[in-house]
Protein backbone atom coordinates (compact mmCIF):
# COMPACT_ATOMS: atom_id res chain seq x y z
CA MET A 1 -0.03 0.00 -0.02
CA TYR A 2 2.95 2.38 0.65
CA TYR A 3 3.64 2.53 -3.09
CA TYR A 4 0.45 4.42 -3.66
CA LEU A 5 1.80 7.06 -1.18
CA ILE A 6 5.03 7.24 -3.26
CA THR A 7 2.93 7.76 -6.38
CA LEU A 8 1.01 10.56 -4.60
CA LEU A 9 4.20 12.13 -3.30
CA VAL A 10 5.70 12.22 -6.85
CA LEU A 11 2.46 13.78 -8.12
CA VAL A 12 2.30 16.47 -5.39
CA LEU A 13 6.02 17.43 -5.73
CA ASP A 14 5.86 17.41 -9.53
CA GLN A 15 2.73 19.57 -9.71
CA ALA A 16 3.94 21.93 -6.95
CA THR A 17 7.24 22.56 -8.70
CA LYS A 18 5.53 23.10 -12.04
CA TRP A 19 3.06 25.48 -10.38
CA VAL A 20 6.06 27.57 -9.06
CA VAL A 21 7.54 27.61 -12.55
CA ILE A 22 4.33 28.63 -14.21
CA SER A 23 3.42 31.30 -11.69
CA GLN A 24 6.89 32.77 -11.09
CA MET A 25 8.74 32.44 -14.35
CA GLU A 26 8.20 33.54 -17.99
CA ILE A 27 8.68 30.91 -20.66
CA GLY A 28 12.37 31.00 -21.58
CA GLU A 29 13.41 32.61 -18.32
CA LYS A 30 16.49 30.96 -16.82
CA ILE A 31 17.63 30.84 -13.14
CA THR A 32 21.07 29.67 -12.24
CA VAL A 33 21.11 26.97 -9.45
CA ILE A 34 24.69 25.72 -9.81
CA PRO A 35 26.66 27.87 -12.22
CA GLY A 36 27.84 25.99 -15.28
CA PHE A 37 25.83 22.88 -14.41
CA LEU A 38 22.21 23.28 -13.17
CA TYR A 39 19.55 25.76 -14.13
CA TRP A 40 15.83 26.25 -13.89
CA LEU A 41 14.66 27.08 -17.43
CA SER A 42 10.91 27.60 -18.01
CA TYR A 43 10.13 25.54 -21.07
CA ARG A 44 6.97 23.90 -22.57
CA ASN A 45 6.96 20.66 -24.52
CA ASN A 46 3.99 19.36 -26.50
CA GLY A 47 5.76 16.11 -27.30
CA ALA A 48 7.71 13.47 -25.44
CA ALA A 49 11.41 13.39 -24.58
CA TRP A 50 13.53 15.46 -26.99
CA SER A 51 10.14 16.77 -28.31
CA ILE A 52 9.49 13.68 -30.30
CA LEU A 53 5.92 13.20 -31.54
CA GLU A 54 5.08 16.90 -31.04
CA GLY A 55 1.41 17.70 -31.11
CA LYS A 56 0.29 14.05 -30.84
CA MET A 57 -1.56 14.63 -27.53
CA TRP A 58 -4.19 11.98 -28.28
CA LEU A 59 -1.42 9.36 -28.49
CA PHE A 60 0.02 10.42 -25.15
CA TYR A 61 -3.48 10.33 -23.51
CA ILE A 62 -4.03 6.78 -24.76
CA ILE A 63 -0.58 5.50 -23.83
CA THR A 64 -0.76 7.01 -20.29
CA ILE A 65 -4.20 5.65 -19.60
CA VAL A 66 -3.23 2.12 -20.84
CA VAL A 67 0.08 2.08 -18.98
CA SER A 68 -1.44 3.51 -15.78
CA VAL A 69 -4.19 0.90 -15.71
CA ALA A 70 -1.64 -1.89 -16.33
CA ILE A 71 0.66 -0.57 -13.50
CA ILE A 72 -2.20 -0.35 -11.05
CA TYR A 73 -3.23 -3.95 -11.91
CA ILE A 74 0.32 -5.18 -11.64
CA MET A 75 0.86 -3.38 -8.32
CA ALA A 76 -2.29 -4.93 -6.87
CA LYS A 77 -1.64 -8.43 -8.20
CA TYR A 78 2.17 -8.93 -8.15
CA ALA A 79 3.99 -6.23 -6.15
CA LYS A 80 3.22 -7.38 -2.57
CA GLY A 81 6.39 -8.29 -0.74
CA LYS A 82 8.63 -6.94 -3.51
CA PRO A 83 9.75 -3.47 -2.31
CA LEU A 84 12.09 -2.69 -5.20
CA PHE A 85 9.44 -3.74 -7.77
CA SER A 86 6.74 -1.78 -5.92
CA ILE A 87 8.79 1.39 -5.74
CA SER A 88 9.81 1.28 -9.36
CA LEU A 89 6.14 0.85 -10.42
CA ALA A 90 5.12 3.72 -8.04
CA LEU A 91 7.66 6.04 -9.51
CA ILE A 92 6.79 5.20 -13.07
CA LEU A 93 3.08 5.67 -12.31
CA GLY A 94 3.67 9.02 -10.50
CA GLY A 95 5.79 10.33 -13.33
CA ALA A 96 3.30 9.20 -16.04
CA LEU A 97 0.38 10.78 -14.18
CA GLY A 98 2.33 14.03 -13.48
CA ASN A 99 2.94 14.64 -17.11
CA PHE A 100 -0.61 13.45 -17.96
CA ILE A 101 -2.02 16.21 -15.73
CA ASP A 102 0.07 18.75 -17.59
CA ARG A 103 -1.21 17.55 -20.88
CA ILE A 104 -4.80 17.76 -19.74
CA LEU A 105 -4.49 21.16 -18.05
CA HIS A 106 -2.03 22.92 -20.30
CA LYS A 107 -2.03 20.90 -23.54
CA GLU A 108 1.81 20.62 -23.01
CA VAL A 109 4.26 19.48 -20.39
CA VAL A 110 5.97 22.02 -18.18
CA ASP A 111 9.75 21.33 -18.08
CA PHE A 112 12.29 23.32 -16.13
CA VAL A 113 15.35 21.33 -15.05
CA SER A 114 18.26 22.10 -17.36
CA THR A 115 21.69 20.57 -16.92
CA VAL A 116 24.89 21.30 -18.78
CA TRP A 117 27.91 19.00 -18.82
CA GLY A 118 30.72 20.85 -20.52
CA SER A 119 29.40 21.60 -23.98
CA TYR A 120 26.58 19.06 -23.72
CA HIS A 121 23.10 20.37 -22.86
CA PHE A 122 20.95 17.54 -21.51
CA PRO A 123 17.33 17.75 -22.61
CA ILE A 124 15.20 19.90 -20.21
CA PHE A 125 13.00 17.81 -17.88
CA ASN A 126 10.83 17.87 -14.79
CA LEU A 127 10.35 15.85 -11.64
CA ALA A 128 7.81 13.58 -13.31
CA ASP A 129 10.41 12.74 -15.98
CA ALA A 130 13.06 12.11 -13.29
CA ALA A 131 10.66 9.85 -11.39
CA LEU A 132 9.86 7.89 -14.61
CA SER A 133 13.53 7.47 -15.41
CA ILE A 134 14.51 6.44 -11.90
CA GLY A 135 11.60 4.01 -11.84
CA VAL A 136 12.69 2.38 -15.12
CA VAL A 137 16.26 2.04 -13.84
CA LEU A 138 14.96 0.47 -10.57
CA MET A 139 12.82 -1.93 -12.62
CA LEU A 140 15.82 -3.03 -14.62
CA ILE A 141 17.81 -3.60 -11.43
CA TYR A 142 14.91 -5.61 -10.01
CA ILE A 143 14.70 -7.71 -13.14
CA VAL A 144 18.43 -8.40 -13.07
CA LEU A 145 18.38 -9.26 -9.34
CA ASP A 146 15.26 -11.40 -9.68
CA ASP A 147 16.72 -13.26 -12.60
CA ARG A 148 19.87 -14.00 -10.63
CA LYS A 149 17.83 -15.16 -7.66
CA THR A 150 15.68 -17.40 -9.88
CA LYS A 151 18.78 -18.92 -11.54
CA GLY A 152 20.18 -19.58 -8.03
């Protein structure tokens, strides 16, 4: 049951930070957090990562609904007693729903975390994106560890 709280925490933090960005920053405005590395940059994305599939909101609605229903089913049926599996699903669900809310309310996703590594500018993202990415990495770790355990 705690994994639903993780999902809710991701949603609340994601939407709260996006609210701050929307209410306090102009689109394109940049605030330095760590000079030469981390910035808040108010940006809107009507696609997915790297702006792929721009303007295909209907596709994102369908994918998010299908994936969310599947995750809720899997969490209820298979996640009990598997903390790493549960946490990964909760993070993925929270991230997916966070961006889904943006797409419903704003017809685009509010991104604001901008990182620079030397001359490389990593794509701008938000907390929902980070939760999704961390959830996927944790899921992969779970799969590898579970596979090792199964093989003995």
